[in-house]
Amino acid sequence: MVDYGATNSSDVPPEPYDQSSSDNKKTTDQGEKDPGNVARGLKAAISNPGVSEEAKKNAKKKLEGLQ
């Protein structure tokens, strides 16, 4: 466990990000995911060396289905 030993406000770690207050829309008005963001995420997975070959293959199939 980390002891921050806070003595003033600059020593306190920041609060976790609260998505509910974000102005950036991540979904469409119907609650669906933004296809552009989905495509970007799939492309990132395909080019990421830390992603397994099986996951890359699945991402390629999903990306082809979007186009």
PDB file of N, CA and C in Angstrom:
ATOM      1  N   MET A   1       0.843  -1.174   0.000  1.00  0.00           N
ATOM      2  CA  MET A   1       0.000   0.000   0.000  1.00  0.00           C
ATOM      3  C   MET A   1       0.887   1.236   0.000  1.00  0.00           C
ATOM      4  N   VAL A   2       0.484   2.215  -0.745  1.00  0.00           N
ATOM      5  CA  VAL A   2       1.261   3.443  -0.867  1.00  0.00           C
ATOM      6  C   VAL A   2       0.785   4.446   0.168  1.00  0.00           C
ATOM      7  N   ASP A   3       1.745   5.024   0.901  1.00  0.00           N
ATOM      8  CA  ASP A   3       1.417   6.073   1.858  1.00  0.00           C
ATOM      9  C   ASP A   3       1.842   7.387   1.236  1.00  0.00           C
ATOM     10  N   TYR A   4       0.875   8.188   0.847  1.00  0.00           N
ATOM     11  CA  TYR A   4       1.182   9.451   0.201  1.00  0.00           C
ATOM     12  C   TYR A   4       1.630  10.516   1.194  1.00  0.00           C
ATOM     13  N   GLY A   5       1.319  10.354   2.459  1.00  0.00           N
ATOM     14  CA  GLY A   5       1.752  11.306   3.471  1.00  0.00           C
ATOM     15  C   GLY A   5       1.420  12.736   3.095  1.00  0.00           C
ATOM     16  N   ALA A   6       0.224  12.965   2.635  1.00  0.00           N
ATOM     17  CA  ALA A   6      -0.172  14.282   2.127  1.00  0.00           C
ATOM     18  C   ALA A   6      -0.123  15.337   3.222  1.00  0.00           C
ATOM     19  N   THR A   7       0.608  16.403   2.929  1.00  0.00           N
ATOM     20  CA  THR A   7       0.658  17.529   3.854  1.00  0.00           C
ATOM     21  C   THR A   7      -0.026  18.748   3.275  1.00  0.00           C
ATOM     22  N   ASN A   8      -0.128  18.805   1.951  1.00  0.00           N
ATOM     23  CA  ASN A   8      -0.889  19.876   1.312  1.00  0.00           C
ATOM     24  C   ASN A   8      -1.520  19.327   0.039  1.00  0.00           C
ATOM     25  N   SER A   9      -2.308  20.144  -0.634  1.00  0.00           N
ATOM     26  CA  SER A   9      -3.064  19.657  -1.787  1.00  0.00           C
ATOM     27  C   SER A   9      -2.180  19.206  -2.942  1.00  0.00           C
ATOM     28  N   SER A  10      -0.952  19.710  -3.042  1.00  0.00           N
ATOM     29  CA  SER A  10      -0.087  19.288  -4.139  1.00  0.00           C
ATOM     30  C   SER A  10       0.463  17.882  -3.920  1.00  0.00           C
ATOM     31  N   ASP A  11       0.391  17.363  -2.700  1.00  0.00           N
ATOM     32  CA  ASP A  11       0.876  16.019  -2.408  1.00  0.00           C
ATOM     33  C   ASP A  11      -0.193  14.957  -2.617  1.00  0.00           C
ATOM     34  N   VAL A  12      -1.423  15.354  -2.833  1.00  0.00           N
ATOM     35  CA  VAL A  12      -2.525  14.402  -2.965  1.00  0.00           C
ATOM     36  C   VAL A  12      -2.616  13.956  -4.417  1.00  0.00           C
ATOM     37  N   PRO A  13      -2.702  12.641  -4.660  1.00  0.00           N
ATOM     38  CA  PRO A  13      -2.820  12.170  -6.041  1.00  0.00           C
ATOM     39  C   PRO A  13      -4.132  12.657  -6.652  1.00  0.00           C
ATOM     40  N   PRO A  14      -4.171  12.840  -7.960  1.00  0.00           N
ATOM     41  CA  PRO A  14      -5.392  13.339  -8.600  1.00  0.00           C
ATOM     42  C   PRO A  14      -6.533  12.339  -8.491  1.00  0.00           C
ATOM     43  N   GLU A  15      -7.741  12.857  -8.548  1.00  0.00           N
ATOM     44  CA  GLU A  15      -8.917  12.000  -8.525  1.00  0.00           C
ATOM     45  C   GLU A  15      -8.992  11.222  -9.836  1.00  0.00           C
ATOM     46  N   PRO A  16      -9.559  10.024  -9.794  1.00  0.00           N
ATOM     47  CA  PRO A  16      -9.715   9.260 -11.039  1.00  0.00           C
ATOM     48  C   PRO A  16     -10.588  10.026 -12.033  1.00  0.00           C
ATOM     49  N   TYR A  17     -10.347   9.802 -13.299  1.00  0.00           N
ATOM     50  CA  TYR A  17     -11.102  10.469 -14.355  1.00  0.00           C
ATOM     51  C   TYR A  17     -12.563  10.043 -14.304  1.00  0.00           C
ATOM     52  N   ASP A  18     -13.452  11.008 -14.357  1.00  0.00           N
ATOM     53  CA  ASP A  18     -14.888  10.743 -14.325  1.00  0.00           C
ATOM     54  C   ASP A  18     -15.444  10.941 -15.724  1.00  0.00           C
ATOM     55  N   GLN A  19     -15.742   9.836 -16.426  1.00  0.00           N
ATOM     56  CA  GLN A  19     -16.237   9.932 -17.788  1.00  0.00           C
ATOM     57  C   GLN A  19     -17.611  10.562 -17.873  1.00  0.00           C
ATOM     58  N   SER A  20     -18.405  10.492 -16.824  1.00  0.00           N
ATOM     59  CA  SER A  20     -19.760  11.015 -16.891  1.00  0.00           C
ATOM     60  C   SER A  20     -19.780  12.519 -17.117  1.00  0.00           C
ATOM     61  N   SER A  21     -18.716  13.204 -16.774  1.00  0.00           N
ATOM     62  CA  SER A  21     -18.679  14.649 -16.960  1.00  0.00           C
ATOM     63  C   SER A  21     -17.990  15.052 -18.257  1.00  0.00           C
ATOM     64  N   SER A  22     -17.561  14.078 -19.049  1.00  0.00           N
ATOM     65  CA  SER A  22     -16.859  14.373 -20.284  1.00  0.00           C
ATOM     66  C   SER A  22     -17.814  14.896 -21.348  1.00  0.00           C
ATOM     67  N   ASP A  23     -17.369  15.902 -22.095  1.00  0.00           N
ATOM     68  CA  ASP A  23     -18.165  16.444 -23.186  1.00  0.00           C
ATOM     69  C   ASP A  23     -17.953  15.666 -24.479  1.00  0.00           C
ATOM     70  N   ASN A  24     -16.917  14.839 -24.543  1.00  0.00           N
ATOM     71  CA  ASN A  24     -16.642  14.068 -25.749  1.00  0.00           C
ATOM     72  C   ASN A  24     -17.615  12.905 -25.841  1.00  0.00           C
ATOM     73  N   LYS A  25     -18.329  12.817 -26.971  1.00  0.00           N
ATOM     74  CA  LYS A  25     -19.291  11.734 -27.147  1.00  0.00           C
ATOM     75  C   LYS A  25     -18.563  10.495 -27.647  1.00  0.00           C
ATOM     76  N   LYS A  26     -18.750   9.393 -26.967  1.00  0.00           N
ATOM     77  CA  LYS A  26     -18.145   8.131 -27.360  1.00  0.00           C
ATOM     78  C   LYS A  26     -19.159   7.225 -28.045  1.00  0.00           C
ATOM     79  N   THR A  27     -20.419   7.600 -28.018  1.00  0.00           N
ATOM     80  CA  THR A  27     -21.470   6.792 -28.621  1.00  0.00           C
ATOM     81  C   THR A  27     -22.350   7.676 -29.493  1.00  0.00           C
ATOM     82  N   THR A  28     -23.138   7.028 -30.331  1.00  0.00           N
ATOM     83  CA  THR A  28     -24.097   7.776 -31.137  1.00  0.00           C
ATOM     84  C   THR A  28     -25.291   8.119 -30.269  1.00  0.00           C
ATOM     85  N   ASP A  29     -26.230   8.866 -30.829  1.00  0.00           N
ATOM     86  CA  ASP A  29     -27.420   9.241 -30.069  1.00  0.00           C
ATOM     87  C   ASP A  29     -28.249   8.027 -29.671  1.00  0.00           C
ATOM     88  N   GLN A  30     -28.122   6.931 -30.408  1.00  0.00           N
ATOM     89  CA  GLN A  30     -28.867   5.720 -30.085  1.00  0.00           C
ATOM     90  C   GLN A  30     -28.102   4.823 -29.111  1.00  0.00           C
ATOM     91  N   GLY A  31     -26.974   5.264 -28.621  1.00  0.00           N
ATOM     92  CA  GLY A  31     -26.196   4.491 -27.665  1.00  0.00           C
ATOM     93  C   GLY A  31     -25.237   3.516 -28.314  1.00  0.00           C
ATOM     94  N   GLU A  32     -25.105   3.572 -29.645  1.00  0.00           N
ATOM     95  CA  GLU A  32     -24.188   2.683 -30.345  1.00  0.00           C
ATOM     96  C   GLU A  32     -22.781   3.272 -30.317  1.00  0.00           C
ATOM     97  N   LYS A  33     -21.790   2.416 -30.495  1.00  0.00           N
ATOM     98  CA  LYS A  33     -20.407   2.885 -30.520  1.00  0.00           C
ATOM     99  C   LYS A  33     -20.138   3.645 -31.811  1.00  0.00           C
ATOM    100  N   ASP A  34     -19.268   4.634 -31.735  1.00  0.00           N
ATOM    101  CA  ASP A  34     -18.886   5.416 -32.907  1.00  0.00           C
ATOM    102  C   ASP A  34     -18.046   4.532 -33.829  1.00  0.00           C
ATOM    103  N   PRO A  35     -18.513   4.274 -35.049  1.00  0.00           N
ATOM    104  CA  PRO A  35     -17.776   3.381 -35.956  1.00  0.00           C
ATOM    105  C   PRO A  35     -16.349   3.845 -36.238  1.00  0.00           C
ATOM    106  N   GLY A  36     -16.123   5.148 -36.282  1.00  0.00           N
ATOM    107  CA  GLY A  36     -14.768   5.649 -36.504  1.00  0.00           C
ATOM    108  C   GLY A  36     -13.838   5.287 -35.365  1.00  0.00           C
ATOM    109  N   ASN A  37     -14.343   5.395 -34.141  1.00  0.00           N
ATOM    110  CA  ASN A  37     -13.521   5.026 -32.981  1.00  0.00           C
ATOM    111  C   ASN A  37     -13.276   3.524 -32.949  1.00  0.00           C
ATOM    112  N   VAL A  38     -14.290   2.743 -33.310  1.00  0.00           N
ATOM    113  CA  VAL A  38     -14.131   1.285 -33.339  1.00  0.00           C
ATOM    114  C   VAL A  38     -13.055   0.915 -34.354  1.00  0.00           C
ATOM    115  N   ALA A  39     -13.126   1.505 -35.548  1.00  0.00           N
ATOM    116  CA  ALA A  39     -12.138   1.216 -36.590  1.00  0.00           C
ATOM    117  C   ALA A  39     -10.735   1.596 -36.133  1.00  0.00           C
ATOM    118  N   ARG A  40     -10.597   2.754 -35.496  1.00  0.00           N
ATOM    119  CA  ARG A  40      -9.271   3.172 -35.000  1.00  0.00           C
ATOM    120  C   ARG A  40      -8.739   2.189 -33.962  1.00  0.00           C
ATOM    121  N   GLY A  41      -9.604   1.719 -33.081  1.00  0.00           N
ATOM    122  CA  GLY A  41      -9.171   0.760 -32.068  1.00  0.00           C
ATOM    123  C   GLY A  41      -8.739  -0.563 -32.673  1.00  0.00           C
ATOM    124  N   LEU A  42      -9.485  -1.013 -33.683  1.00  0.00           N
ATOM    125  CA  LEU A  42      -9.124  -2.266 -34.352  1.00  0.00           C
ATOM    126  C   LEU A  42      -7.798  -2.123 -35.092  1.00  0.00           C
ATOM    127  N   LYS A  43      -7.599  -1.001 -35.767  1.00  0.00           N
ATOM    128  CA  LYS A  43      -6.333  -0.762 -36.463  1.00  0.00           C
ATOM    129  C   LYS A  43      -5.174  -0.711 -35.476  1.00  0.00           C
ATOM    130  N   ALA A  44      -5.410  -0.126 -34.321  1.00  0.00           N
ATOM    131  CA  ALA A  44      -4.366  -0.063 -33.296  1.00  0.00           C
ATOM    132  C   ALA A  44      -4.021  -1.459 -32.804  1.00  0.00           C
ATOM    133  N   ALA A  45      -5.034  -2.293 -32.613  1.00  0.00           N
ATOM    134  CA  ALA A  45      -4.792  -3.662 -32.156  1.00  0.00           C
ATOM    135  C   ALA A  45      -3.991  -4.443 -33.195  1.00  0.00           C
ATOM    136  N   ILE A  46      -4.317  -4.243 -34.470  1.00  0.00           N
ATOM    137  CA  ILE A  46      -3.624  -4.954 -35.546  1.00  0.00           C
ATOM    138  C   ILE A  46      -2.148  -4.577 -35.595  1.00  0.00           C
ATOM    139  N   SER A  47      -1.832  -3.328 -35.345  1.00  0.00           N
ATOM    140  CA  SER A  47      -0.441  -2.876 -35.449  1.00  0.00           C
ATOM    141  C   SER A  47       0.338  -2.966 -34.136  1.00  0.00           C
ATOM    142  N   ASN A  48      -0.326  -3.352 -33.052  1.00  0.00           N
ATOM    143  CA  ASN A  48       0.318  -3.416 -31.743  1.00  0.00           C
ATOM    144  C   ASN A  48       1.105  -4.723 -31.603  1.00  0.00           C
ATOM    145  N   PRO A  49       2.425  -4.665 -31.390  1.00  0.00           N
ATOM    146  CA  PRO A  49       3.213  -5.891 -31.264  1.00  0.00           C
ATOM    147  C   PRO A  49       2.882  -6.702 -30.010  1.00  0.00           C
ATOM    148  N   GLY A  50       2.199  -6.108 -29.060  1.00  0.00           N
ATOM    149  CA  GLY A  50       1.840  -6.822 -27.837  1.00  0.00           C
ATOM    150  C   GLY A  50       0.544  -7.606 -27.940  1.00  0.00           C
ATOM    151  N   VAL A  51      -0.108  -7.556 -29.099  1.00  0.00           N
ATOM    152  CA  VAL A  51      -1.374  -8.251 -29.307  1.00  0.00           C
ATOM    153  C   VAL A  51      -1.088  -9.583 -29.988  1.00  0.00           C
ATOM    154  N   SER A  52      -1.764 -10.638 -29.542  1.00  0.00           N
ATOM    155  CA  SER A  52      -1.535 -11.968 -30.106  1.00  0.00           C
ATOM    156  C   SER A  52      -1.969 -12.028 -31.566  1.00  0.00           C
ATOM    157  N   GLU A  53      -1.418 -12.987 -32.300  1.00  0.00           N
ATOM    158  CA  GLU A  53      -1.775 -13.155 -33.714  1.00  0.00           C
ATOM    159  C   GLU A  53      -3.253 -13.505 -33.866  1.00  0.00           C
ATOM    160  N   GLU A  54      -3.781 -14.284 -32.946  1.00  0.00           N
ATOM    161  CA  GLU A  54      -5.202 -14.638 -33.005  1.00  0.00           C
ATOM    162  C   GLU A  54      -6.076 -13.395 -32.827  1.00  0.00           C
ATOM    163  N   ALA A  55      -5.718 -12.540 -31.890  1.00  0.00           N
ATOM    164  CA  ALA A  55      -6.482 -11.310 -31.672  1.00  0.00           C
ATOM    165  C   ALA A  55      -6.361 -10.378 -32.876  1.00  0.00           C
ATOM    166  N   LYS A  56      -5.188 -10.333 -33.503  1.00  0.00           N
ATOM    167  CA  LYS A  56      -5.011  -9.512 -34.698  1.00  0.00           C
ATOM    168  C   LYS A  56      -5.891 -10.026 -35.834  1.00  0.00           C
ATOM    169  N   LYS A  57      -5.962 -11.351 -35.969  1.00  0.00           N
ATOM    170  CA  LYS A  57      -6.796 -11.941 -37.011  1.00  0.00           C
ATOM    171  C   LYS A  57      -8.266 -11.589 -36.777  1.00  0.00           C
ATOM    172  N   ASN A  58      -8.709 -11.674 -35.528  1.00  0.00           N
ATOM    173  CA  ASN A  58     -10.092 -11.318 -35.200  1.00  0.00           C
ATOM    174  C   ASN A  58     -10.357  -9.836 -35.456  1.00  0.00           C
ATOM    175  N   ALA A  59      -9.400  -8.987 -35.127  1.00  0.00           N
ATOM    176  CA  ALA A  59      -9.558  -7.550 -35.356  1.00  0.00           C
ATOM    177  C   ALA A  59      -9.652  -7.253 -36.850  1.00  0.00           C
ATOM    178  N   LYS A  60      -8.852  -7.955 -37.665  1.00  0.00           N
ATOM    179  CA  LYS A  60      -8.911  -7.758 -39.117  1.00  0.00           C
ATOM    180  C   LYS A  60     -10.281  -8.139 -39.660  1.00  0.00           C
ATOM    181  N   LYS A  61     -10.843  -9.256 -39.172  1.00  0.00           N
ATOM    182  CA  LYS A  61     -12.173  -9.684 -39.624  1.00  0.00           C
ATOM    183  C   LYS A  61     -13.232  -8.657 -39.245  1.00  0.00           C
ATOM    184  N   LYS A  62     -13.160  -8.153 -38.025  1.00  0.00           N
ATOM    185  CA  LYS A  62     -14.134  -7.151 -37.583  1.00  0.00           C
ATOM    186  C   LYS A  62     -13.994  -5.866 -38.391  1.00  0.00           C
ATOM    187  N   LEU A  63     -12.759  -5.471 -38.674  1.00  0.00           N
ATOM    188  CA  LEU A  63     -12.520  -4.253 -39.442  1.00  0.00           C
ATOM    189  C   LEU A  63     -13.074  -4.397 -40.861  1.00  0.00           C
ATOM    190  N   GLU A  64     -12.876  -5.565 -41.466  1.00  0.00           N
ATOM    191  CA  GLU A  64     -13.422  -5.809 -42.805  1.00  0.00           C
ATOM    192  C   GLU A  64     -14.946  -5.740 -42.783  1.00  0.00           C
ATOM    193  N   GLY A  65     -15.556  -6.185 -41.690  1.00  0.00           N
ATOM    194  CA  GLY A  65     -17.008  -6.137 -41.564  1.00  0.00           C
ATOM    195  C   GLY A  65     -17.549  -4.722 -41.428  1.00  0.00           C
ATOM    196  N   LEU A  66     -16.725  -3.806 -40.957  1.00  0.00           N
ATOM    197  CA  LEU A  66     -17.151  -2.411 -40.808  1.00  0.00           C
ATOM    198  C   LEU A  66     -17.134  -1.670 -42.136  1.00  0.00           C
ATOM    199  N   GLN A  67     -16.306  -2.120 -43.051  1.00  0.00           N
ATOM    200  CA  GLN A  67     -16.127  -1.373 -44.302  1.00  0.00           C
ATOM    201  C   GLN A  67     -17.055  -1.813 -45.383  1.00  0.00           C
TER     202      GLN A  67
END
